[in-house]
N, C-alpha and C. Protein backbone atom coordinates (compact mmCIF):
# COMPACT_ATOMS: atom_id res chain seq x y z
N UNK A 1 4.83 38.22 -22.50
CA UNK A 1 3.41 38.15 -22.20
C UNK A 1 3.06 39.23 -21.17
N UNK A 2 2.01 39.95 -21.43
CA UNK A 2 1.57 40.98 -20.48
C UNK A 2 0.50 40.37 -19.58
N UNK A 3 0.65 40.63 -18.30
CA UNK A 3 -0.27 40.10 -17.31
C UNK A 3 -1.60 40.82 -17.33
N UNK A 4 -2.28 40.84 -16.20
CA UNK A 4 -3.63 41.38 -16.15
C UNK A 4 -3.69 42.89 -16.35
N UNK A 5 -4.86 43.37 -16.72
CA UNK A 5 -5.13 44.80 -16.76
C UNK A 5 -5.42 45.28 -15.35
N UNK A 6 -4.81 46.40 -14.99
CA UNK A 6 -5.06 47.00 -13.69
C UNK A 6 -5.55 48.42 -13.89
N UNK A 7 -6.15 48.98 -12.84
CA UNK A 7 -6.52 50.39 -12.83
C UNK A 7 -5.86 51.01 -11.62
N UNK A 8 -5.47 52.27 -11.76
CA UNK A 8 -4.92 53.04 -10.65
C UNK A 8 -5.87 54.21 -10.40
N UNK A 9 -6.24 54.39 -9.14
CA UNK A 9 -7.09 55.52 -8.74
C UNK A 9 -6.21 56.54 -8.02
N UNK A 10 -6.29 57.80 -8.42
CA UNK A 10 -5.48 58.85 -7.78
C UNK A 10 -6.25 60.16 -7.78
N UNK A 11 -5.90 61.02 -6.82
CA UNK A 11 -6.57 62.32 -6.68
C UNK A 11 -5.62 63.50 -6.74
N UNK A 12 -4.32 63.25 -6.74
CA UNK A 12 -3.38 64.36 -6.57
C UNK A 12 -2.26 64.41 -7.58
N UNK A 13 -1.03 64.51 -7.05
CA UNK A 13 0.13 64.71 -7.92
C UNK A 13 0.48 63.46 -8.72
N UNK A 14 0.22 62.29 -8.16
CA UNK A 14 0.43 61.06 -8.92
C UNK A 14 1.83 60.50 -8.86
N UNK A 15 2.57 60.77 -7.78
CA UNK A 15 3.93 60.21 -7.71
C UNK A 15 3.90 58.69 -7.61
N UNK A 16 2.98 58.13 -6.83
CA UNK A 16 2.88 56.66 -6.76
C UNK A 16 2.35 56.08 -8.07
N UNK A 17 1.43 56.78 -8.71
CA UNK A 17 0.94 56.35 -10.02
C UNK A 17 2.11 56.25 -11.01
N UNK A 18 2.95 57.28 -11.02
CA UNK A 18 4.08 57.32 -11.94
C UNK A 18 5.05 56.16 -11.67
N UNK A 19 5.30 55.88 -10.40
CA UNK A 19 6.19 54.78 -10.02
C UNK A 19 5.62 53.45 -10.51
N UNK A 20 4.32 53.25 -10.32
CA UNK A 20 3.68 52.01 -10.78
C UNK A 20 3.78 51.90 -12.31
N UNK A 21 3.50 53.02 -12.99
CA UNK A 21 3.52 53.01 -14.46
C UNK A 21 4.90 52.71 -15.02
N UNK A 22 5.94 53.15 -14.31
CA UNK A 22 7.30 52.99 -14.81
C UNK A 22 7.99 51.74 -14.27
N UNK A 23 7.36 51.06 -13.32
CA UNK A 23 7.96 49.85 -12.75
C UNK A 23 7.88 48.69 -13.75
N UNK A 24 8.78 47.75 -13.60
CA UNK A 24 8.80 46.57 -14.47
C UNK A 24 7.83 45.54 -13.88
N UNK A 25 6.56 45.73 -14.17
CA UNK A 25 5.51 44.86 -13.63
C UNK A 25 4.84 44.10 -14.76
N UNK A 26 4.42 42.88 -14.47
CA UNK A 26 3.75 42.05 -15.47
C UNK A 26 2.26 42.37 -15.48
N UNK A 27 1.93 43.58 -15.93
CA UNK A 27 0.55 44.04 -16.02
C UNK A 27 0.51 45.26 -16.93
N UNK A 28 -0.69 45.69 -17.20
CA UNK A 28 -0.88 46.89 -18.01
C UNK A 28 -1.85 47.80 -17.29
N UNK A 29 -1.48 49.07 -17.12
CA UNK A 29 -2.43 50.02 -16.55
C UNK A 29 -3.43 50.37 -17.65
N UNK A 30 -4.63 49.82 -17.52
CA UNK A 30 -5.66 50.03 -18.54
C UNK A 30 -6.39 51.35 -18.34
N UNK A 31 -6.34 51.88 -17.09
CA UNK A 31 -7.10 53.09 -16.81
C UNK A 31 -6.59 53.77 -15.54
N UNK A 32 -6.48 55.08 -15.61
CA UNK A 32 -6.32 55.91 -14.43
C UNK A 32 -7.70 56.50 -14.12
N UNK A 33 -8.15 56.34 -12.89
CA UNK A 33 -9.42 56.93 -12.46
C UNK A 33 -9.08 58.07 -11.52
N UNK A 34 -9.60 59.26 -11.82
CA UNK A 34 -9.31 60.45 -11.00
C UNK A 34 -10.61 61.19 -10.70
N UNK A 35 -10.74 61.65 -9.46
CA UNK A 35 -11.94 62.36 -9.03
C UNK A 35 -11.75 63.87 -8.96
N UNK A 36 -10.57 64.36 -9.38
CA UNK A 36 -10.27 65.79 -9.33
C UNK A 36 -9.84 66.27 -10.72
N UNK A 37 -10.69 67.02 -11.41
CA UNK A 37 -10.39 67.42 -12.79
C UNK A 37 -9.09 68.20 -12.97
N UNK A 38 -8.59 68.85 -11.92
CA UNK A 38 -7.36 69.63 -12.03
C UNK A 38 -6.13 68.91 -11.49
N UNK A 39 -6.25 67.65 -11.14
CA UNK A 39 -5.14 66.92 -10.51
C UNK A 39 -3.97 66.75 -11.47
N UNK A 40 -2.75 67.02 -11.01
CA UNK A 40 -1.55 66.86 -11.86
C UNK A 40 -1.36 65.43 -12.39
N UNK A 41 -1.91 64.44 -11.70
CA UNK A 41 -1.76 63.05 -12.15
C UNK A 41 -2.33 62.84 -13.55
N UNK A 42 -3.31 63.64 -13.94
CA UNK A 42 -3.94 63.49 -15.25
C UNK A 42 -2.93 63.76 -16.36
N UNK A 43 -2.12 64.82 -16.18
CA UNK A 43 -1.08 65.14 -17.17
C UNK A 43 -0.03 64.04 -17.23
N UNK A 44 0.30 63.47 -16.08
CA UNK A 44 1.29 62.38 -16.06
C UNK A 44 0.77 61.18 -16.85
N UNK A 45 -0.50 60.85 -16.67
CA UNK A 45 -1.10 59.73 -17.42
C UNK A 45 -1.09 60.03 -18.92
N UNK A 46 -1.43 61.26 -19.26
CA UNK A 46 -1.45 61.66 -20.68
C UNK A 46 -0.07 61.47 -21.30
N UNK A 47 0.97 61.94 -20.60
CA UNK A 47 2.34 61.83 -21.12
C UNK A 47 2.78 60.38 -21.26
N UNK A 48 2.24 59.51 -20.39
CA UNK A 48 2.60 58.09 -20.44
C UNK A 48 1.69 57.30 -21.39
N UNK A 49 0.72 57.98 -22.00
CA UNK A 49 -0.18 57.32 -22.93
C UNK A 49 -1.19 56.39 -22.26
N UNK A 50 -1.52 56.70 -21.00
CA UNK A 50 -2.46 55.87 -20.25
C UNK A 50 -3.83 56.53 -20.25
N UNK A 51 -4.83 55.76 -20.62
CA UNK A 51 -6.20 56.28 -20.69
C UNK A 51 -6.67 56.73 -19.31
N UNK A 52 -7.42 57.82 -19.30
CA UNK A 52 -7.84 58.43 -18.04
C UNK A 52 -9.35 58.63 -18.01
N UNK A 53 -9.92 58.31 -16.85
CA UNK A 53 -11.34 58.57 -16.61
C UNK A 53 -11.41 59.58 -15.46
N UNK A 54 -11.88 60.78 -15.77
CA UNK A 54 -12.00 61.83 -14.75
C UNK A 54 -13.48 62.05 -14.49
N UNK A 55 -13.88 61.77 -13.26
CA UNK A 55 -15.29 61.91 -12.87
C UNK A 55 -15.38 62.73 -11.60
N UNK A 56 -16.24 63.74 -11.62
CA UNK A 56 -16.49 64.52 -10.42
C UNK A 56 -17.65 63.87 -9.66
N UNK A 57 -17.39 63.34 -8.45
CA UNK A 57 -18.45 62.67 -7.70
C UNK A 57 -19.68 63.54 -7.46
N UNK A 58 -19.48 64.86 -7.42
CA UNK A 58 -20.60 65.77 -7.17
C UNK A 58 -21.60 65.78 -8.33
N UNK A 59 -21.19 65.27 -9.48
CA UNK A 59 -22.07 65.23 -10.65
C UNK A 59 -23.02 64.02 -10.62
N UNK A 60 -22.90 63.20 -9.58
CA UNK A 60 -23.73 61.99 -9.46
C UNK A 60 -24.65 62.13 -8.26
N UNK A 61 -25.84 61.58 -8.38
CA UNK A 61 -26.82 61.70 -7.30
C UNK A 61 -26.41 60.92 -6.05
N UNK A 62 -25.74 59.79 -6.26
CA UNK A 62 -25.34 58.97 -5.12
C UNK A 62 -23.93 58.44 -5.33
N UNK A 63 -23.33 58.00 -4.25
CA UNK A 63 -22.02 57.36 -4.32
C UNK A 63 -22.10 56.10 -5.17
N UNK A 64 -23.20 55.35 -5.00
CA UNK A 64 -23.37 54.13 -5.78
C UNK A 64 -23.40 54.42 -7.28
N UNK A 65 -24.09 55.49 -7.67
CA UNK A 65 -24.16 55.85 -9.09
C UNK A 65 -22.77 56.21 -9.63
N UNK A 66 -22.01 56.95 -8.83
CA UNK A 66 -20.63 57.31 -9.19
C UNK A 66 -19.79 56.04 -9.39
N UNK A 67 -19.89 55.12 -8.44
CA UNK A 67 -19.10 53.89 -8.52
C UNK A 67 -19.59 52.96 -9.64
N UNK A 68 -20.88 52.99 -9.94
CA UNK A 68 -21.40 52.16 -11.04
C UNK A 68 -20.80 52.61 -12.37
N UNK A 69 -20.65 53.91 -12.55
CA UNK A 69 -20.02 54.42 -13.77
C UNK A 69 -18.56 53.96 -13.85
N UNK A 70 -17.84 54.05 -12.73
CA UNK A 70 -16.45 53.58 -12.70
C UNK A 70 -16.41 52.08 -13.00
N UNK A 71 -17.29 51.33 -12.36
CA UNK A 71 -17.32 49.88 -12.53
C UNK A 71 -17.56 49.50 -14.00
N UNK A 72 -18.48 50.21 -14.63
CA UNK A 72 -18.74 49.96 -16.05
C UNK A 72 -17.46 50.12 -16.87
N UNK A 73 -16.71 51.21 -16.61
CA UNK A 73 -15.48 51.48 -17.36
C UNK A 73 -14.40 50.44 -17.05
N UNK A 74 -14.33 49.98 -15.80
CA UNK A 74 -13.35 48.95 -15.43
C UNK A 74 -13.67 47.64 -16.15
N UNK A 75 -14.95 47.26 -16.14
CA UNK A 75 -15.35 46.01 -16.79
C UNK A 75 -15.12 46.06 -18.30
N UNK A 76 -15.38 47.23 -18.90
CA UNK A 76 -15.13 47.40 -20.34
C UNK A 76 -13.68 47.11 -20.70
N UNK A 77 -12.77 47.41 -19.76
CA UNK A 77 -11.33 47.25 -20.01
C UNK A 77 -10.78 45.98 -19.37
N UNK A 78 -11.67 45.12 -18.88
CA UNK A 78 -11.28 43.85 -18.27
C UNK A 78 -10.24 44.02 -17.17
N UNK A 79 -10.45 45.03 -16.33
CA UNK A 79 -9.55 45.30 -15.21
C UNK A 79 -9.78 44.25 -14.12
N UNK A 80 -8.69 43.67 -13.63
CA UNK A 80 -8.83 42.65 -12.58
C UNK A 80 -8.27 43.10 -11.23
N UNK A 81 -7.53 44.20 -11.19
CA UNK A 81 -7.00 44.73 -9.93
C UNK A 81 -7.17 46.25 -9.92
N UNK A 82 -7.40 46.81 -8.73
CA UNK A 82 -7.47 48.26 -8.56
C UNK A 82 -6.45 48.64 -7.48
N UNK A 83 -5.57 49.59 -7.81
CA UNK A 83 -4.57 50.07 -6.86
C UNK A 83 -4.80 51.55 -6.60
N UNK A 84 -5.03 51.88 -5.35
CA UNK A 84 -5.24 53.27 -4.96
C UNK A 84 -3.88 53.91 -4.71
N UNK A 85 -3.69 55.09 -5.27
CA UNK A 85 -2.41 55.80 -5.16
C UNK A 85 -2.70 57.26 -4.86
N UNK A 86 -3.01 57.53 -3.60
CA UNK A 86 -3.38 58.90 -3.24
C UNK A 86 -4.79 59.25 -3.68
N UNK A 87 -5.67 58.26 -3.65
CA UNK A 87 -7.08 58.48 -3.98
C UNK A 87 -7.79 58.82 -2.68
N UNK A 88 -8.33 60.03 -2.60
CA UNK A 88 -8.80 60.56 -1.32
C UNK A 88 -10.31 60.38 -1.09
N UNK A 89 -10.82 59.24 -1.52
CA UNK A 89 -12.24 58.93 -1.29
C UNK A 89 -12.34 57.53 -0.72
N UNK A 90 -13.31 57.33 0.16
CA UNK A 90 -13.58 55.98 0.65
C UNK A 90 -14.26 55.18 -0.46
N UNK A 91 -13.83 53.94 -0.60
CA UNK A 91 -14.44 53.04 -1.60
C UNK A 91 -15.71 52.45 -1.01
N UNK A 92 -16.78 52.45 -1.80
CA UNK A 92 -18.07 51.95 -1.33
C UNK A 92 -18.35 50.53 -1.76
N UNK A 93 -19.51 50.05 -1.38
CA UNK A 93 -19.90 48.68 -1.61
C UNK A 93 -19.95 48.27 -3.07
N UNK A 94 -20.29 49.17 -3.96
CA UNK A 94 -20.40 48.83 -5.38
C UNK A 94 -19.08 48.28 -5.91
N UNK A 95 -17.99 48.99 -5.65
CA UNK A 95 -16.68 48.54 -6.12
C UNK A 95 -16.14 47.39 -5.27
N UNK A 96 -16.36 47.46 -3.97
CA UNK A 96 -15.84 46.40 -3.09
C UNK A 96 -16.46 45.04 -3.42
N UNK A 97 -17.76 45.01 -3.74
CA UNK A 97 -18.40 43.74 -4.09
C UNK A 97 -17.92 43.22 -5.44
N UNK A 98 -17.61 44.13 -6.35
CA UNK A 98 -17.14 43.72 -7.68
C UNK A 98 -15.68 43.25 -7.66
N UNK A 99 -14.90 43.76 -6.70
CA UNK A 99 -13.47 43.44 -6.63
C UNK A 99 -13.07 43.00 -5.21
N UNK A 100 -13.61 41.90 -4.73
CA UNK A 100 -13.25 41.47 -3.38
C UNK A 100 -11.77 41.11 -3.28
N UNK A 101 -11.08 41.69 -2.31
CA UNK A 101 -9.64 41.49 -2.10
C UNK A 101 -8.82 41.81 -3.35
N UNK A 102 -9.34 42.71 -4.15
CA UNK A 102 -8.65 43.12 -5.39
C UNK A 102 -8.47 44.63 -5.45
N UNK A 103 -8.79 45.32 -4.34
CA UNK A 103 -8.56 46.77 -4.26
C UNK A 103 -7.54 46.98 -3.15
N UNK A 104 -6.43 47.60 -3.51
CA UNK A 104 -5.28 47.73 -2.62
C UNK A 104 -4.96 49.22 -2.45
N UNK A 105 -4.53 49.58 -1.25
CA UNK A 105 -4.18 50.97 -0.97
C UNK A 105 -2.79 51.04 -0.33
N UNK A 106 -2.12 52.16 -0.55
CA UNK A 106 -0.88 52.45 0.17
C UNK A 106 -1.14 53.66 1.05
N UNK A 107 -0.63 53.58 2.29
CA UNK A 107 -0.91 54.63 3.27
C UNK A 107 0.39 55.03 3.98
N UNK A 108 0.63 56.33 4.15
CA UNK A 108 1.90 56.79 4.72
C UNK A 108 1.96 56.80 6.25
N UNK A 109 1.63 55.67 6.85
CA UNK A 109 1.85 55.48 8.29
C UNK A 109 1.85 53.99 8.56
N UNK A 110 2.24 53.63 9.77
CA UNK A 110 2.16 52.23 10.19
C UNK A 110 0.78 52.01 10.78
N UNK A 111 -0.15 51.64 9.93
CA UNK A 111 -1.51 51.41 10.41
C UNK A 111 -1.51 50.32 11.47
N UNK A 112 -2.36 50.42 12.50
CA UNK A 112 -3.53 51.29 12.59
C UNK A 112 -3.24 52.72 13.06
N UNK A 113 -1.97 53.08 13.26
CA UNK A 113 -1.65 54.45 13.67
C UNK A 113 -1.88 55.43 12.52
N UNK A 114 -2.49 56.54 12.84
CA UNK A 114 -2.66 57.69 11.94
C UNK A 114 -3.36 57.36 10.62
N UNK A 115 -4.58 56.84 10.68
CA UNK A 115 -5.35 56.64 9.45
C UNK A 115 -5.85 57.99 8.92
N UNK A 116 -6.36 57.98 7.70
CA UNK A 116 -6.95 59.20 7.14
C UNK A 116 -5.93 60.17 6.57
N UNK A 117 -6.36 61.43 6.49
CA UNK A 117 -5.54 62.46 5.85
C UNK A 117 -4.42 62.95 6.77
N UNK A 118 -3.40 63.53 6.15
CA UNK A 118 -2.29 64.18 6.86
C UNK A 118 -1.58 63.25 7.84
N UNK A 119 -1.41 62.01 7.46
CA UNK A 119 -0.81 61.01 8.36
C UNK A 119 0.62 61.34 8.73
N UNK A 120 1.37 61.83 7.76
CA UNK A 120 2.79 62.14 8.04
C UNK A 120 2.86 63.28 9.04
N UNK A 121 2.04 64.30 8.86
CA UNK A 121 2.02 65.43 9.80
C UNK A 121 1.53 64.98 11.17
N UNK A 122 0.53 64.10 11.20
CA UNK A 122 0.05 63.59 12.50
C UNK A 122 1.19 62.89 13.25
N UNK A 123 1.93 62.05 12.55
CA UNK A 123 3.04 61.32 13.18
C UNK A 123 4.13 62.30 13.63
N UNK A 124 4.42 63.28 12.79
CA UNK A 124 5.45 64.28 13.11
C UNK A 124 5.04 65.09 14.34
N UNK A 125 3.79 65.54 14.36
CA UNK A 125 3.30 66.34 15.49
C UNK A 125 3.28 65.56 16.80
N UNK A 126 3.07 64.25 16.72
CA UNK A 126 3.06 63.40 17.92
C UNK A 126 4.48 63.05 18.39
N UNK A 127 5.46 63.45 17.55
CA UNK A 127 6.87 63.20 17.86
C UNK A 127 7.17 61.71 18.07
N UNK A 128 6.61 60.87 17.19
CA UNK A 128 6.87 59.44 17.27
C UNK A 128 8.31 59.15 16.88
N UNK A 129 8.86 58.07 17.41
CA UNK A 129 10.23 57.67 17.08
C UNK A 129 10.28 56.85 15.80
N UNK A 130 9.18 56.16 15.51
CA UNK A 130 9.11 55.29 14.34
C UNK A 130 7.79 55.51 13.63
N UNK A 131 7.87 55.60 12.30
CA UNK A 131 6.68 55.64 11.47
C UNK A 131 6.96 54.82 10.24
N UNK A 132 6.18 54.96 9.20
CA UNK A 132 6.44 54.16 8.02
C UNK A 132 5.30 54.17 7.03
N UNK A 133 5.18 53.05 6.32
CA UNK A 133 4.25 52.92 5.21
C UNK A 133 3.54 51.58 5.32
N UNK A 134 2.26 51.56 4.96
CA UNK A 134 1.46 50.33 4.98
C UNK A 134 0.79 50.14 3.62
N UNK A 135 0.83 48.91 3.12
CA UNK A 135 0.01 48.54 1.97
C UNK A 135 -1.04 47.58 2.51
N UNK A 136 -2.30 47.84 2.17
CA UNK A 136 -3.38 47.03 2.75
C UNK A 136 -4.53 46.83 1.77
N UNK A 137 -5.29 45.76 2.03
CA UNK A 137 -6.54 45.56 1.30
C UNK A 137 -7.51 46.64 1.73
N UNK A 138 -8.38 47.05 0.81
CA UNK A 138 -9.35 48.09 1.10
C UNK A 138 -10.67 47.44 1.53
N UNK A 139 -11.23 47.99 2.61
CA UNK A 139 -12.59 47.64 3.01
C UNK A 139 -13.38 48.94 3.12
N UNK A 140 -14.57 48.91 3.73
CA UNK A 140 -15.39 50.12 3.75
C UNK A 140 -14.94 51.15 4.78
N UNK A 141 -14.02 50.80 5.64
CA UNK A 141 -13.52 51.75 6.63
C UNK A 141 -12.42 52.63 6.08
N UNK A 142 -11.98 53.58 6.91
CA UNK A 142 -10.88 54.45 6.51
C UNK A 142 -9.56 53.83 6.94
N UNK A 143 -8.87 53.22 5.97
CA UNK A 143 -7.57 52.60 6.21
C UNK A 143 -7.65 51.49 7.26
N UNK A 144 -8.71 50.69 7.20
CA UNK A 144 -8.93 49.64 8.19
C UNK A 144 -8.79 48.23 7.63
N UNK A 145 -8.54 48.07 6.35
CA UNK A 145 -8.46 46.74 5.75
C UNK A 145 -7.22 45.98 6.19
N UNK A 146 -7.22 44.66 5.99
CA UNK A 146 -6.09 43.83 6.40
C UNK A 146 -4.76 44.27 5.78
N UNK A 147 -3.73 44.29 6.60
CA UNK A 147 -2.39 44.72 6.17
C UNK A 147 -1.75 43.63 5.31
N UNK A 148 -1.15 44.06 4.20
CA UNK A 148 -0.39 43.15 3.33
C UNK A 148 1.10 43.28 3.65
N UNK A 149 1.58 44.52 3.77
CA UNK A 149 3.01 44.76 4.03
C UNK A 149 3.18 46.11 4.72
N UNK A 150 4.21 46.18 5.56
CA UNK A 150 4.58 47.45 6.18
C UNK A 150 6.09 47.60 6.13
N UNK A 151 6.53 48.83 6.07
CA UNK A 151 7.96 49.13 6.16
C UNK A 151 8.11 50.36 7.05
N UNK A 152 8.97 50.24 8.03
CA UNK A 152 9.11 51.32 9.01
C UNK A 152 10.38 52.12 8.78
N UNK A 153 10.43 53.29 9.39
CA UNK A 153 11.65 54.10 9.42
C UNK A 153 11.74 54.80 10.76
N UNK A 154 12.96 55.00 11.19
CA UNK A 154 13.22 55.74 12.43
C UNK A 154 13.16 57.22 12.11
N UNK A 155 12.50 57.97 12.97
CA UNK A 155 12.42 59.42 12.80
C UNK A 155 13.67 60.03 13.43
N UNK A 156 14.41 60.80 12.65
CA UNK A 156 15.65 61.41 13.14
C UNK A 156 15.34 62.51 14.14
N UNK A 157 16.23 62.72 15.12
CA UNK A 157 16.00 63.78 16.11
C UNK A 157 15.87 65.17 15.48
N UNK A 158 16.57 65.41 14.38
CA UNK A 158 16.54 66.73 13.72
C UNK A 158 15.57 66.75 12.53
N UNK A 159 14.67 65.77 12.49
CA UNK A 159 13.73 65.63 11.36
C UNK A 159 12.83 66.85 11.24
N UNK A 160 12.61 67.29 9.99
CA UNK A 160 11.58 68.29 9.72
C UNK A 160 10.41 67.58 9.06
N UNK A 161 9.27 68.22 9.02
CA UNK A 161 8.11 67.63 8.35
C UNK A 161 8.45 67.37 6.88
N UNK A 162 9.16 68.30 6.27
CA UNK A 162 9.53 68.15 4.85
C UNK A 162 10.46 66.95 4.65
N UNK A 163 11.47 66.81 5.50
CA UNK A 163 12.40 65.69 5.32
C UNK A 163 11.72 64.35 5.59
N UNK A 164 10.82 64.34 6.58
CA UNK A 164 10.09 63.10 6.87
C UNK A 164 9.18 62.72 5.70
N UNK A 165 8.53 63.71 5.14
CA UNK A 165 7.65 63.48 3.99
C UNK A 165 8.44 62.88 2.83
N UNK A 166 9.61 63.44 2.54
CA UNK A 166 10.45 62.92 1.46
C UNK A 166 10.84 61.48 1.73
N UNK A 167 11.24 61.19 2.95
CA UNK A 167 11.67 59.83 3.29
C UNK A 167 10.51 58.83 3.21
N UNK A 168 9.33 59.25 3.65
CA UNK A 168 8.14 58.38 3.56
C UNK A 168 7.82 58.09 2.10
N UNK A 169 7.87 59.12 1.25
CA UNK A 169 7.58 58.91 -0.18
C UNK A 169 8.60 57.96 -0.82
N UNK A 170 9.85 58.04 -0.40
CA UNK A 170 10.86 57.13 -0.94
C UNK A 170 10.50 55.68 -0.60
N UNK A 171 10.03 55.46 0.62
CA UNK A 171 9.63 54.11 1.01
C UNK A 171 8.40 53.67 0.21
N UNK A 172 7.42 54.56 0.08
CA UNK A 172 6.22 54.23 -0.72
C UNK A 172 6.62 53.80 -2.12
N UNK A 173 7.51 54.57 -2.74
CA UNK A 173 7.89 54.33 -4.13
C UNK A 173 8.67 53.03 -4.31
N UNK A 174 9.30 52.55 -3.25
CA UNK A 174 9.99 51.26 -3.30
C UNK A 174 9.03 50.11 -2.97
N UNK A 175 8.21 50.30 -1.93
CA UNK A 175 7.38 49.22 -1.42
C UNK A 175 6.20 48.88 -2.33
N UNK A 176 5.51 49.89 -2.85
CA UNK A 176 4.28 49.62 -3.60
C UNK A 176 4.52 48.73 -4.82
N UNK A 177 5.51 49.04 -5.67
CA UNK A 177 5.75 48.13 -6.81
C UNK A 177 6.12 46.71 -6.37
N UNK A 178 6.86 46.59 -5.27
CA UNK A 178 7.21 45.25 -4.76
C UNK A 178 5.96 44.46 -4.39
N UNK A 179 5.05 45.12 -3.69
CA UNK A 179 3.82 44.44 -3.26
C UNK A 179 2.94 44.11 -4.47
N UNK A 180 2.82 45.04 -5.40
CA UNK A 180 2.03 44.78 -6.60
C UNK A 180 2.60 43.58 -7.35
N UNK A 181 3.91 43.55 -7.51
CA UNK A 181 4.55 42.43 -8.19
C UNK A 181 4.22 41.11 -7.49
N UNK A 182 4.33 41.10 -6.16
CA UNK A 182 4.04 39.90 -5.38
C UNK A 182 2.58 39.47 -5.55
N UNK A 183 1.65 40.41 -5.50
CA UNK A 183 0.24 40.07 -5.65
C UNK A 183 -0.05 39.49 -7.03
N UNK A 184 0.53 40.09 -8.06
CA UNK A 184 0.29 39.62 -9.42
C UNK A 184 0.92 38.24 -9.65
N UNK A 185 2.11 38.03 -9.09
CA UNK A 185 2.80 36.73 -9.27
C UNK A 185 2.08 35.60 -8.56
N UNK A 186 1.41 35.92 -7.45
CA UNK A 186 0.76 34.88 -6.65
C UNK A 186 -0.77 34.96 -6.74
N UNK A 187 -1.23 35.61 -7.81
CA UNK A 187 -2.66 35.85 -8.00
C UNK A 187 -3.47 34.55 -7.92
N UNK A 188 -2.93 33.48 -8.50
CA UNK A 188 -3.67 32.22 -8.55
C UNK A 188 -3.79 31.57 -7.18
N UNK A 189 -2.97 32.01 -6.21
CA UNK A 189 -2.99 31.40 -4.88
C UNK A 189 -3.72 32.26 -3.85
N UNK A 190 -4.18 33.42 -4.27
CA UNK A 190 -4.85 34.32 -3.32
C UNK A 190 -6.27 33.84 -3.06
N UNK A 191 -6.69 33.98 -1.81
CA UNK A 191 -8.09 33.70 -1.48
C UNK A 191 -8.92 34.89 -1.90
N UNK A 192 -9.96 34.62 -2.65
CA UNK A 192 -10.83 35.73 -3.09
C UNK A 192 -12.16 35.61 -2.42
């Protein structure tokens, strides 16, 4: 039996998207939503046979209009969960009201430290001893929603930005499918 339909939103290379698509999860990725027409994630979805919706937000008069189009496509496919995987836009009220506590994000830092872009570089430049990965519910703020899970790592004394980035991605690729699996298995017990 296949579980619920989910959507993944991504803007870039799609490594987390690929991990979700290839994980043994009781769900079906009904749609990849991408806001960058040249993003490599689109080719990955194509190769995996996953339907893709590519929309340029600049083609819409308002953020609400952009999100209404996405919402229409999600409802058409009976999507019940949205997982952000390197989606570089803030989610607005249109989608948040339609999917309360059903939009999840993964972020490459131990929130509330280093929200927003370039989190790994921010942590590296600050010379922190510990950093990590956070999976959280999405709200209207930038990486401010309630934390679901975190996993930390010690920064090595000889760490380079490149090595830290690789290690953070390894944690993301392990943690995100685990959290998705947990959310889907306990869906009936979640407060909505």
